PDB file of N, CA and C in Angstrom:
ATOM      1  N   LEU A   1      97.999 106.535 101.312  1.00  0.00           N
ATOM      2  CA  LEU A   1      98.961 105.441 101.325  1.00  0.00           C
ATOM      3  C   LEU A   1      99.074 104.777 102.735  1.00  0.00           C
ATOM      4  N   TRP A   2      98.924 105.612 103.820  1.00  0.00           N
ATOM      5  CA  TRP A   2      99.125 105.044 105.118  1.00  0.00           C
ATOM      6  C   TRP A   2      98.066 104.008 105.437  1.00  0.00           C
ATOM      7  N   GLU A   3      96.887 104.111 104.799  1.00  0.00           N
ATOM      8  CA  GLU A   3      95.853 103.094 105.051  1.00  0.00           C
ATOM      9  C   GLU A   3      96.240 101.758 104.436  1.00  0.00           C
ATOM     10  N   ALA A   4      96.866 101.812 103.228  1.00  0.00           N
ATOM     11  CA  ALA A   4      97.284 100.629 102.578  1.00  0.00           C
ATOM     12  C   ALA A   4      98.363  99.913 103.378  1.00  0.00           C
ATOM     13  N   ALA A   5      99.169 100.648 104.079  1.00  0.00           N
ATOM     14  CA  ALA A   5     100.241 100.061 104.882  1.00  0.00           C
ATOM     15  C   ALA A   5      99.698  99.154 106.008  1.00  0.00           C
ATOM     16  N   SER A   6      98.460  99.274 106.341  1.00  0.00           N
ATOM     17  CA  SER A   6      97.874  98.475 107.406  1.00  0.00           C
ATOM     18  C   SER A   6      97.224  97.189 106.901  1.00  0.00           C
ATOM     19  N   LEU A   7      97.313  97.003 105.549  1.00  0.00           N
ATOM     20  CA  LEU A   7      96.689  95.794 105.009  1.00  0.00           C
ATOM     21  C   LEU A   7      97.489  94.536 105.450  1.00  0.00           C
ATOM     22  N   PRO A   8      96.861  93.375 105.328  1.00  0.00           N
ATOM     23  CA  PRO A   8      97.625  92.152 105.537  1.00  0.00           C
ATOM     24  C   PRO A   8      98.798  92.058 104.598  1.00  0.00           C
ATOM     25  N   ALA A   9      99.823  91.343 104.944  1.00  0.00           N
ATOM     26  CA  ALA A   9     101.066  91.288 104.170  1.00  0.00           C
ATOM     27  C   ALA A   9     100.883  91.047 102.727  1.00  0.00           C
ATOM     28  N   ASP A  10     100.079  90.042 102.346  1.00  0.00           N
ATOM     29  CA  ASP A  10      99.931  89.671 100.911  1.00  0.00           C
ATOM     30  C   ASP A  10      99.189  90.877 100.172  1.00  0.00           C
ATOM     31  N   ARG A  11      98.246  91.443 100.790  1.00  0.00           N
ATOM     32  CA  ARG A  11      97.596  92.582 100.120  1.00  0.00           C
ATOM     33  C   ARG A  11      98.421  93.809 100.056  1.00  0.00           C
ATOM     34  N   LEU A  12      99.260  94.004 101.080  1.00  0.00           N
ATOM     35  CA  LEU A  12     100.210  95.118 101.081  1.00  0.00           C
ATOM     36  C   LEU A  12     101.142  94.961  99.910  1.00  0.00           C
ATOM     37  N   VAL A  13     101.668  93.859  99.666  1.00  0.00           N
ATOM     38  CA  VAL A  13     102.588  93.662  98.501  1.00  0.00           C
ATOM     39  C   VAL A  13     101.841  93.853  97.193  1.00  0.00           C
ATOM     40  N   ALA A  14     100.642  93.341  97.154  1.00  0.00           N
ATOM     41  CA  ALA A  14      99.814  93.559  95.923  1.00  0.00           C
ATOM     42  C   ALA A  14      99.552  94.989  95.652  1.00  0.00           C
ATOM     43  N   ALA A  15      99.263  95.832  96.696  1.00  0.00           N
ATOM     44  CA  ALA A  15      99.002  97.207  96.567  1.00  0.00           C
ATOM     45  C   ALA A  15     100.240  97.895  96.095  1.00  0.00           C
ATOM     46  N   ALA A  16     101.389  97.544  96.620  1.00  0.00           N
ATOM     47  CA  ALA A  16     102.651  98.132  96.201  1.00  0.00           C
ATOM     48  C   ALA A  16     102.942  97.839  94.761  1.00  0.00           C
ATOM     49  N   ASP A  17     102.687  96.564  94.334  1.00  0.00           N
ATOM     50  CA  ASP A  17     102.899  96.157  92.962  1.00  0.00           C
ATOM     51  C   ASP A  17     101.981  96.965  92.062  1.00  0.00           C
ATOM     52  N   ALA A  18     100.750  97.219  92.474  1.00  0.00           N
ATOM     53  CA  ALA A  18      99.825  97.983  91.620  1.00  0.00           C
ATOM     54  C   ALA A  18     100.319  99.390  91.457  1.00  0.00           C
ATOM     55  N   LEU A  19     100.824  99.958  92.516  1.00  0.00           N
ATOM     56  CA  LEU A  19     101.363 101.310  92.379  1.00  0.00           C
ATOM     57  C   LEU A  19     102.617 101.367  91.483  1.00  0.00           C
ATOM     58  N   VAL A  20     103.457 100.394  91.588  1.00  0.00           N
ATOM     59  CA  VAL A  20     104.582 100.335  90.685  1.00  0.00           C
ATOM     60  C   VAL A  20     104.167 100.235  89.193  1.00  0.00           C
ATOM     61  N   ALA A  21     103.199  99.337  88.982  1.00  0.00           N
ATOM     62  CA  ALA A  21     102.694  99.106  87.611  1.00  0.00           C
ATOM     63  C   ALA A  21     101.976 100.399  87.058  1.00  0.00           C
ATOM     64  N   ALA A  22     101.486 101.242  87.965  1.00  0.00           N
ATOM     65  CA  ALA A  22     100.823 102.502  87.505  1.00  0.00           C
ATOM     66  C   ALA A  22     101.841 103.631  87.397  1.00  0.00           C
ATOM     67  N   GLY A  23     103.126 103.287  87.493  1.00  0.00           N
ATOM     68  CA  GLY A  23     104.113 104.324  87.395  1.00  0.00           C
ATOM     69  C   GLY A  23     104.417 105.094  88.644  1.00  0.00           C
ATOM     70  N   ARG A  24     103.982 104.569  89.737  1.00  0.00           N
ATOM     71  CA  ARG A  24     104.207 105.253  91.056  1.00  0.00           C
ATOM     72  C   ARG A  24     105.077 104.399  91.948  1.00  0.00           C
ATOM     73  N   GLY A  25     106.251 104.173  91.432  1.00  0.00           N
ATOM     74  CA  GLY A  25     107.200 103.288  92.160  1.00  0.00           C
ATOM     75  C   GLY A  25     107.578 103.771  93.509  1.00  0.00           C
ATOM     76  N   ALA A  26     107.749 105.111  93.682  1.00  0.00           N
ATOM     77  CA  ALA A  26     108.104 105.705  94.966  1.00  0.00           C
ATOM     78  C   ALA A  26     106.978 105.499  95.976  1.00  0.00           C
ATOM     79  N   ASP A  27     105.743 105.548  95.570  1.00  0.00           N
ATOM     80  CA  ASP A  27     104.650 105.304  96.467  1.00  0.00           C
ATOM     81  C   ASP A  27     104.621 103.812  96.860  1.00  0.00           C
ATOM     82  N   GLY A  28     104.862 102.919  95.896  1.00  0.00           N
ATOM     83  CA  GLY A  28     104.937 101.494  96.192  1.00  0.00           C
ATOM     84  C   GLY A  28     105.955 101.214  97.232  1.00  0.00           C
ATOM     85  N   GLU A  29     107.072 101.788  97.061  1.00  0.00           N
ATOM     86  CA  GLU A  29     108.167 101.537  98.085  1.00  0.00           C
ATOM     87  C   GLU A  29     107.797 102.135  99.379  1.00  0.00           C
ATOM     88  N   GLN A  30     107.149 103.280  99.388  1.00  0.00           N
ATOM     89  CA  GLN A  30     106.774 103.887 100.662  1.00  0.00           C
ATOM     90  C   GLN A  30     105.796 103.088 101.503  1.00  0.00           C
ATOM     91  N   ILE A  31     104.744 102.463 100.822  1.00  0.00           N
ATOM     92  CA  ILE A  31     103.859 101.716 101.600  1.00  0.00           C
ATOM     93  C   ILE A  31     104.536 100.383 102.097  1.00  0.00           C
ATOM     94  N   LEU A  32     105.460  99.855 101.360  1.00  0.00           N
ATOM     95  CA  LEU A  32     106.117  98.667 101.925  1.00  0.00           C
ATOM     96  C   LEU A  32     106.983  99.086 103.134  1.00  0.00           C
ATOM     97  N   ARG A  33     107.636 100.219 103.102  1.00  0.00           N
ATOM     98  CA  ARG A  33     108.396 100.641 104.270  1.00  0.00           C
ATOM     99  C   ARG A  33     107.472 100.941 105.395  1.00  0.00           C
ATOM    100  N   GLN A  34     106.338 101.531 105.164  1.00  0.00           N
ATOM    101  CA  GLN A  34     105.352 101.817 106.275  1.00  0.00           C
ATOM    102  C   GLN A  34     104.770 100.433 106.804  1.00  0.00           C
ATOM    103  N   GLY A  35     104.501  99.577 105.853  1.00  0.00           N
ATOM    104  CA  GLY A  35     103.913  98.308 106.237  1.00  0.00           C
ATOM    105  C   GLY A  35     104.739  97.378 107.115  1.00  0.00           C
ATOM    106  N   VAL A  36     106.097  97.542 106.923  1.00  0.00           N
ATOM    107  CA  VAL A  36     106.952  96.655 107.802  1.00  0.00           C
ATOM    108  C   VAL A  36     107.293  97.286 109.134  1.00  0.00           C
ATOM    109  N   ALA A  37     106.535  98.284 109.501  1.00  0.00           N
ATOM    110  CA  ALA A  37     106.697  98.866 110.821  1.00  0.00           C
ATOM    111  C   ALA A  37     105.896  98.015 111.857  1.00  0.00           C
ATOM    112  N   ARG A  38     105.384  96.905 111.508  1.00  0.00           N
ATOM    113  CA  ARG A  38     104.631  96.015 112.377  1.00  0.00           C
ATOM    114  C   ARG A  38     105.568  95.366 113.391  1.00  0.00           C
ATOM    115  N   PRO A  39     105.087  94.791 114.428  1.00  0.00           N
ATOM    116  CA  PRO A  39     105.965  94.055 115.355  1.00  0.00           C
ATOM    117  C   PRO A  39     106.670  92.919 114.610  1.00  0.00           C
ATOM    118  N   ALA A  40     107.860  92.598 115.162  1.00  0.00           N
ATOM    119  CA  ALA A  40     108.757  91.579 114.466  1.00  0.00           C
ATOM    120  C   ALA A  40     108.036  90.177 114.329  1.00  0.00           C
ATOM    121  N   GLY A  41     107.395  89.765 115.403  1.00  0.00           N
ATOM    122  CA  GLY A  41     106.667  88.448 115.283  1.00  0.00           C
ATOM    123  C   GLY A  41     105.647  88.463 114.288  1.00  0.00           C
ATOM    124  N   GLU A  42     104.923  89.505 114.142  1.00  0.00           N
ATOM    125  CA  GLU A  42     103.915  89.694 113.096  1.00  0.00           C
ATOM    126  C   GLU A  42     104.463  89.511 111.695  1.00  0.00           C
ATOM    127  N   ILE A  43     105.607  90.174 111.511  1.00  0.00           N
ATOM    128  CA  ILE A  43     106.237  90.129 110.164  1.00  0.00           C
ATOM    129  C   ILE A  43     106.637  88.604 109.911  1.00  0.00           C
ATOM    130  N   GLY A  44     107.270  87.980 110.888  1.00  0.00           N
ATOM    131  CA  GLY A  44     107.681  86.597 110.758  1.00  0.00           C
ATOM    132  C   GLY A  44     106.497  85.703 110.440  1.00  0.00           C
ATOM    133  N   THR A  45     105.416  85.880 111.167  1.00  0.00           N
ATOM    134  CA  THR A  45     104.280  85.036 110.921  1.00  0.00           C
ATOM    135  C   THR A  45     103.695  85.301 109.558  1.00  0.00           C
ATOM    136  N   ALA A  46     103.635  86.543 109.120  1.00  0.00           N
ATOM    137  CA  ALA A  46     103.129  86.906 107.759  1.00  0.00           C
ATOM    138  C   ALA A  46     103.983  86.228 106.660  1.00  0.00           C
ATOM    139  N   VAL A  47     105.256  86.284 106.817  1.00  0.00           N
ATOM    140  CA  VAL A  47     106.235  85.757 105.868  1.00  0.00           C
ATOM    141  C   VAL A  47     106.036  84.172 105.827  1.00  0.00           C
ATOM    142  N   LEU A  48     105.893  83.568 106.969  1.00  0.00           N
ATOM    143  CA  LEU A  48     105.646  82.063 106.956  1.00  0.00           C
ATOM    144  C   LEU A  48     104.381  81.716 106.211  1.00  0.00           C
ATOM    145  N   GLY A  49     103.335  82.565 106.369  1.00  0.00           N
ATOM    146  CA  GLY A  49     102.042  82.310 105.684  1.00  0.00           C
ATOM    147  C   GLY A  49     102.248  82.494 104.151  1.00  0.00           C
ATOM    148  N   LEU A  50     103.027  83.494 103.766  1.00  0.00           N
ATOM    149  CA  LEU A  50     103.264  83.668 102.314  1.00  0.00           C
ATOM    150  C   LEU A  50     104.122  82.504 101.755  1.00  0.00           C
ATOM    151  N   VAL A  51     105.109  82.056 102.482  1.00  0.00           N
ATOM    152  CA  VAL A  51     105.921  80.900 102.086  1.00  0.00           C
ATOM    153  C   VAL A  51     105.029  79.668 101.917  1.00  0.00           C
ATOM    154  N   ALA A  52     104.123  79.403 102.919  1.00  0.00           N
ATOM    155  CA  ALA A  52     103.206  78.258 102.806  1.00  0.00           C
ATOM    156  C   ALA A  52     102.406  78.303 101.562  1.00  0.00           C
ATOM    157  N   GLU A  53     102.033  79.535 101.125  1.00  0.00           N
ATOM    158  CA  GLU A  53     101.233  79.691  99.959  1.00  0.00           C
ATOM    159  C   GLU A  53     101.988  79.664  98.679  1.00  0.00           C
ATOM    160  N   GLY A  54     103.300  79.504  98.757  1.00  0.00           N
ATOM    161  CA  GLY A  54     104.163  79.512  97.617  1.00  0.00           C
ATOM    162  C   GLY A  54     104.368  80.928  96.946  1.00  0.00           C
ATOM    163  N   ARG A  55     104.246  81.994  97.766  1.00  0.00           N
ATOM    164  CA  ARG A  55     104.224  83.319  97.225  1.00  0.00           C
ATOM    165  C   ARG A  55     105.635  83.890  97.395  1.00  0.00           C
ATOM    166  N   ARG A  56     106.578  83.379  96.664  1.00  0.00           N
ATOM    167  CA  ARG A  56     107.975  83.741  96.853  1.00  0.00           C
ATOM    168  C   ARG A  56     108.241  85.189  96.540  1.00  0.00           C
ATOM    169  N   ARG A  57     107.631  85.676  95.459  1.00  0.00           N
ATOM    170  CA  ARG A  57     107.880  87.113  95.063  1.00  0.00           C
ATOM    171  C   ARG A  57     107.456  88.017  96.213  1.00  0.00           C
ATOM    172  N   GLU A  58     106.248  87.753  96.785  1.00  0.00           N
ATOM    173  CA  GLU A  58     105.785  88.635  97.903  1.00  0.00           C
ATOM    174  C   GLU A  58     106.740  88.510  99.112  1.00  0.00           C
ATOM    175  N   VAL A  59     107.253  87.298  99.356  1.00  0.00           N
ATOM    176  CA  VAL A  59     108.138  87.138 100.475  1.00  0.00           C
ATOM    177  C   VAL A  59     109.382  88.023 100.269  1.00  0.00           C
ATOM    178  N   THR A  60     109.959  87.986  99.044  1.00  0.00           N
ATOM    179  CA  THR A  60     111.111  88.668  98.669  1.00  0.00           C
ATOM    180  C   THR A  60     110.929  90.214  98.839  1.00  0.00           C
ATOM    181  N   ALA A  61     109.839  90.675  98.260  1.00  0.00           N
ATOM    182  CA  ALA A  61     109.511  92.088  98.362  1.00  0.00           C
ATOM    183  C   ALA A  61     109.290  92.570  99.778  1.00  0.00           C
ATOM    184  N   LEU A  62     108.643  91.810 100.652  1.00  0.00           N
ATOM    185  CA  LEU A  62     108.385  92.165 101.961  1.00  0.00           C
ATOM    186  C   LEU A  62     109.675  92.182 102.819  1.00  0.00           C
ATOM    187  N   LEU A  63     110.481  91.062 102.690  1.00  0.00           N
ATOM    188  CA  LEU A  63     111.687  91.070 103.462  1.00  0.00           C
ATOM    189  C   LEU A  63     112.753  92.031 103.001  1.00  0.00           C
ATOM    190  N   ASP A  64     112.780  92.331 101.693  1.00  0.00           N
ATOM    191  CA  ASP A  64     113.686  93.374 101.248  1.00  0.00           C
ATOM    192  C   ASP A  64     113.377  94.652 101.868  1.00  0.00           C
ATOM    193  N   ALA A  65     112.124  95.072 101.907  1.00  0.00           N
ATOM    194  CA  ALA A  65     111.790  96.342 102.560  1.00  0.00           C
ATOM    195  C   ALA A  65     112.067  96.249 104.098  1.00  0.00           C
ATOM    196  N   TYR A  66     111.753  95.075 104.623  1.00  0.00           N
ATOM    197  CA  TYR A  66     111.964  94.923 106.095  1.00  0.00           C
ATOM    198  C   TYR A  66     113.435  95.045 106.581  1.00  0.00           C
ATOM    199  N   VAL A  67     114.347  94.351 105.889  1.00  0.00           N
ATOM    200  CA  VAL A  67     115.694  94.456 106.330  1.00  0.00           C
ATOM    201  C   VAL A  67     116.359  95.805 106.046  1.00  0.00           C
ATOM    202  N   ARG A  68     115.745  96.531 105.083  1.00  0.00           N
ATOM    203  CA  ARG A  68     116.221  97.827 104.765  1.00  0.00           C
ATOM    204  C   ARG A  68     115.877  98.909 105.832  1.00  0.00           C
ATOM    205  N   VAL A  69     114.762  98.759 106.434  1.00  0.00           N
ATOM    206  CA  VAL A  69     114.259  99.856 107.337  1.00  0.00           C
ATOM    207  C   VAL A  69     114.374  99.461 108.834  1.00  0.00           C
ATOM    208  N   ARG A  70     114.458  98.201 109.170  1.00  0.00           N
ATOM    209  CA  ARG A  70     114.430  97.779 110.512  1.00  0.00           C
ATOM    210  C   ARG A  70     115.872  97.518 111.016  1.00  0.00           C
ATOM    211  N   ALA A  71     116.149  97.751 112.247  1.00  0.00           N
ATOM    212  CA  ALA A  71     117.445  97.418 112.868  1.00  0.00           C
ATOM    213  C   ALA A  71     117.672  95.905 112.757  1.00  0.00           C
ATOM    214  N   PRO A  72     118.913  95.537 112.609  1.00  0.00           N
ATOM    215  CA  PRO A  72     119.201  94.049 112.557  1.00  0.00           C
ATOM    216  C   PRO A  72     118.728  93.264 113.704  1.00  0.00           C
ATOM    217  N   GLU A  73     118.780  93.840 114.932  1.00  0.00           N
ATOM    218  CA  GLU A  73     118.292  93.184 116.096  1.00  0.00           C
ATOM    219  C   GLU A  73     116.835  92.877 116.041  1.00  0.00           C
ATOM    220  N   GLU A  74     116.067  93.838 115.437  1.00  0.00           N
ATOM    221  CA  GLU A  74     114.620  93.606 115.303  1.00  0.00           C
ATOM    222  C   GLU A  74     114.366  92.617 114.234  1.00  0.00           C
ATOM    223  N   ALA A  75     115.050  92.727 113.133  1.00  0.00           N
ATOM    224  CA  ALA A  75     114.942  91.733 112.055  1.00  0.00           C
ATOM    225  C   ALA A  75     115.221  90.290 112.599  1.00  0.00           C
ATOM    226  N   ALA A  76     116.180  90.146 113.404  1.00  0.00           N
ATOM    227  CA  ALA A  76     116.565  88.874 114.055  1.00  0.00           C
ATOM    228  C   ALA A  76     115.383  88.380 114.864  1.00  0.00           C
ATOM    229  N   ARG A  77     114.651  89.234 115.632  1.00  0.00           N
ATOM    230  CA  ARG A  77     113.504  88.793 116.380  1.00  0.00           C
ATOM    231  C   ARG A  77     112.378  88.311 115.546  1.00  0.00           C
ATOM    232  N   SER A  78     112.271  88.713 114.302  1.00  0.00           N
ATOM    233  CA  SER A  78     111.205  88.262 113.445  1.00  0.00           C
ATOM    234  C   SER A  78     111.448  86.771 113.035  1.00  0.00           C
ATOM    235  N   ALA A  79     112.576  86.231 113.264  1.00  0.00           N
ATOM    236  CA  ALA A  79     112.841  84.808 112.926  1.00  0.00           C
ATOM    237  C   ALA A  79     112.198  83.852 113.936  1.00  0.00           C
ATOM    238  N   GLU A  80     111.815  84.363 115.025  1.00  0.00           N
ATOM    239  CA  GLU A  80     111.342  83.453 116.104  1.00  0.00           C
ATOM    240  C   GLU A  80     110.168  82.548 115.740  1.00  0.00           C
ATOM    241  N   PRO A  81     109.177  83.008 114.961  1.00  0.00           N
ATOM    242  CA  PRO A  81     108.016  82.055 114.612  1.00  0.00           C
ATOM    243  C   PRO A  81     108.459  80.827 113.852  1.00  0.00           C
ATOM    244  N   GLY A  82     109.590  80.812 113.126  1.00  0.00           N
ATOM    245  CA  GLY A  82     110.023  79.735 112.328  1.00  0.00           C
ATOM    246  C   GLY A  82     111.440  79.937 111.832  1.00  0.00           C
ATOM    247  N   PRO A  83     112.388  79.771 112.769  1.00  0.00           N
ATOM    248  CA  PRO A  83     113.796  80.114 112.391  1.00  0.00           C
ATOM    249  C   PRO A  83     114.308  79.247 111.175  1.00  0.00           C
ATOM    250  N   GLY A  84     113.896  77.982 111.088  1.00  0.00           N
ATOM    251  CA  GLY A  84     114.372  77.191 109.971  1.00  0.00           C
ATOM    252  C   GLY A  84     114.048  77.709 108.666  1.00  0.00           C
ATOM    253  N   THR A  85     112.935  78.318 108.532  1.00  0.00           N
ATOM    254  CA  THR A  85     112.553  78.982 107.293  1.00  0.00           C
ATOM    255  C   THR A  85     112.998  80.439 107.168  1.00  0.00           C
ATOM    256  N   LEU A  86     112.724  81.153 108.305  1.00  0.00           N
ATOM    257  CA  LEU A  86     112.975  82.606 108.221  1.00  0.00           C
ATOM    258  C   LEU A  86     114.393  83.024 108.247  1.00  0.00           C
ATOM    259  N   VAL A  87     115.308  82.400 108.958  1.00  0.00           N
ATOM    260  CA  VAL A  87     116.689  82.839 108.994  1.00  0.00           C
ATOM    261  C   VAL A  87     117.311  82.869 107.613  1.00  0.00           C
ATOM    262  N   PRO A  88     117.175  81.833 106.805  1.00  0.00           N
ATOM    263  CA  PRO A  88     117.804  81.905 105.420  1.00  0.00           C
ATOM    264  C   PRO A  88     117.163  82.955 104.587  1.00  0.00           C
ATOM    265  N   LEU A  89     115.868  83.163 104.723  1.00  0.00           N
ATOM    266  CA  LEU A  89     115.168  84.219 103.916  1.00  0.00           C
ATOM    267  C   LEU A  89     115.634  85.601 104.384  1.00  0.00           C
ATOM    268  N   LEU A  90     115.747  85.866 105.693  1.00  0.00           N
ATOM    269  CA  LEU A  90     116.252  87.121 106.181  1.00  0.00           C
ATOM    270  C   LEU A  90     117.635  87.374 105.688  1.00  0.00           C
ATOM    271  N   LEU A  91     118.483  86.362 105.737  1.00  0.00           N
ATOM    272  CA  LEU A  91     119.855  86.548 105.320  1.00  0.00           C
ATOM    273  C   LEU A  91     120.009  86.840 103.860  1.00  0.00           C
ATOM    274  N   ALA A  92     119.184  86.151 103.073  1.00  0.00           N
ATOM    275  CA  ALA A  92     119.198  86.423 101.640  1.00  0.00           C
ATOM    276  C   ALA A  92     118.725  87.849 101.368  1.00  0.00           C
ATOM    277  N   ALA A  93     117.703  88.339 102.021  1.00  0.00           N
ATOM    278  CA  ALA A  93     117.286  89.678 101.846  1.00  0.00           C
ATOM    279  C   ALA A  93     118.343  90.650 102.245  1.00  0.00           C
ATOM    280  N   ALA A  94     119.005  90.438 103.403  1.00  0.00           N
ATOM    281  CA  ALA A  94     120.014  91.385 103.907  1.00  0.00           C
ATOM    282  C   ALA A  94     121.226  91.362 102.960  1.00  0.00           C
ATOM    283  N   ARG A  95     121.537  90.188 102.373  1.00  0.00           N
ATOM    284  CA  ARG A  95     122.708  90.151 101.405  1.00  0.00           C
ATOM    285  C   ARG A  95     122.372  90.984 100.197  1.00  0.00           C
ATOM    286  N   GLY A  96     121.055  91.018  99.788  1.00  0.00           N
ATOM    287  CA  GLY A  96     120.623  91.801  98.678  1.00  0.00           C
ATOM    288  C   GLY A  96     120.705  93.295  98.945  1.00  0.00           C
ATOM    289  N   VAL A  97     120.778  93.716 100.157  1.00  0.00           N
ATOM    290  CA  VAL A  97     120.868  95.110 100.522  1.00  0.00           C
ATOM    291  C   VAL A  97     122.389  95.486 100.533  1.00  0.00           C
ATOM    292  N   SER A  98     123.182  94.836 101.303  1.00  0.00           N
ATOM    293  CA  SER A  98     124.641  95.156 101.337  1.00  0.00           C
ATOM    294  C   SER A  98     125.316  94.083 102.112  1.00  0.00           C
ATOM    295  N   ASP A  99     126.672  94.001 101.930  1.00  0.00           N
ATOM    296  CA  ASP A  99     127.432  93.083 102.723  1.00  0.00           C
ATOM    297  C   ASP A  99     127.385  93.466 104.219  1.00  0.00           C
ATOM    298  N   GLU A 100     127.417  94.815 104.447  1.00  0.00           N
ATOM    299  CA  GLU A 100     127.420  95.281 105.868  1.00  0.00           C
ATOM    300  C   GLU A 100     126.045  94.879 106.505  1.00  0.00           C
ATOM    301  N   ARG A 101     124.970  95.063 105.788  1.00  0.00           N
ATOM    302  CA  ARG A 101     123.670  94.642 106.383  1.00  0.00           C
ATOM    303  C   ARG A 101     123.583  93.179 106.697  1.00  0.00           C
ATOM    304  N   HIS A 102     124.179  92.421 105.751  1.00  0.00           N
ATOM    305  CA  HIS A 102     124.175  90.964 105.920  1.00  0.00           C
ATOM    306  C   HIS A 102     124.886  90.568 107.192  1.00  0.00           C
ATOM    307  N   TRP A 103     126.144  91.102 107.387  1.00  0.00           N
ATOM    308  CA  TRP A 103     126.946  90.757 108.534  1.00  0.00           C
ATOM    309  C   TRP A 103     126.335  91.324 109.824  1.00  0.00           C
ATOM    310  N   ASP A 104     125.688  92.446 109.725  1.00  0.00           N
ATOM    311  CA  ASP A 104     125.045  92.965 110.915  1.00  0.00           C
ATOM    312  C   ASP A 104     123.919  92.006 111.349  1.00  0.00           C
ATOM    313  N   LEU A 105     123.205  91.516 110.345  1.00  0.00           N
ATOM    314  CA  LEU A 105     122.097  90.589 110.640  1.00  0.00           C
ATOM    315  C   LEU A 105     122.639  89.266 111.119  1.00  0.00           C
ATOM    316  N   VAL A 106     123.751  88.772 110.567  1.00  0.00           N
ATOM    317  CA  VAL A 106     124.323  87.534 111.019  1.00  0.00           C
ATOM    318  C   VAL A 106     124.673  87.622 112.503  1.00  0.00           C
ATOM    319  N   HIS A 107     125.300  88.742 112.835  1.00  0.00           N
ATOM    320  CA  HIS A 107     125.649  88.976 114.308  1.00  0.00           C
ATOM    321  C   HIS A 107     124.350  89.040 115.202  1.00  0.00           C
ATOM    322  N   ALA A 108     123.369  89.794 114.774  1.00  0.00           N
ATOM    323  CA  ALA A 108     122.132  89.929 115.542  1.00  0.00           C
ATOM    324  C   ALA A 108     121.471  88.559 115.695  1.00  0.00           C
ATOM    325  N   LEU A 109     121.443  87.752 114.671  1.00  0.00           N
ATOM    326  CA  LEU A 109     120.841  86.400 114.783  1.00  0.00           C
ATOM    327  C   LEU A 109     121.546  85.523 115.790  1.00  0.00           C
ATOM    328  N   ARG A 110     122.946  85.612 115.708  1.00  0.00           N
ATOM    329  CA  ARG A 110     123.699  84.795 116.680  1.00  0.00           C
ATOM    330  C   ARG A 110     123.396  85.300 118.145  1.00  0.00           C
ATOM    331  N   VAL A 111     123.354  86.608 118.349  1.00  0.00           N
ATOM    332  CA  VAL A 111     123.107  87.167 119.675  1.00  0.00           C
ATOM    333  C   VAL A 111     121.722  86.676 120.146  1.00  0.00           C
ATOM    334  N   ALA A 112     120.758  86.671 119.220  1.00  0.00           N
ATOM    335  CA  ALA A 112     119.416  86.179 119.555  1.00  0.00           C
ATOM    336  C   ALA A 112     119.297  84.692 119.769  1.00  0.00           C
ATOM    337  N   GLY A 113     120.367  83.934 119.449  1.00  0.00           N
ATOM    338  CA  GLY A 113     120.329  82.511 119.672  1.00  0.00           C
ATOM    339  C   GLY A 113     119.976  81.675 118.458  1.00  0.00           C
ATOM    340  N   PHE A 114     120.056  82.334 117.302  1.00  0.00           N
ATOM    341  CA  PHE A 114     119.789  81.587 116.107  1.00  0.00           C
ATOM    342  C   PHE A 114     121.080  81.369 115.363  1.00  0.00           C
ATOM    343  N   SER A 115     121.243  80.091 114.773  1.00  0.00           N
ATOM    344  CA  SER A 115     122.470  79.882 114.006  1.00  0.00           C
ATOM    345  C   SER A 115     122.279  80.479 112.621  1.00  0.00           C
ATOM    346  N   ALA A 116     123.313  81.158 112.217  1.00  0.00           N
ATOM    347  CA  ALA A 116     123.201  81.905 110.957  1.00  0.00           C
ATOM    348  C   ALA A 116     124.278  81.373 110.010  1.00  0.00           C
TER     349      ALA A 116
END
């Protein structure tokens, strides 16, 4: 599974989906968690690429895993490649995790200089 975690973002999500479809949901979640251990800027750039391709489901899956396992300050740094697109997506993902995670991310984004 650790090898799959190093795949490009779109293929990472596809591999996680395949594991879930094969009844290995825990493994699918694990590779997403491992895959989002990449640098913040790389995650932001990957998400922008997925958005440009219209791959909303992959964006949602990747950011859901990302905001669950990364510190809010690090998640805020991932907005730098395209804050106009990434800030709302990050906030939506954090809101889906919990109100506390959402507000922690709002604060981290403001500290990082992004309007939330």
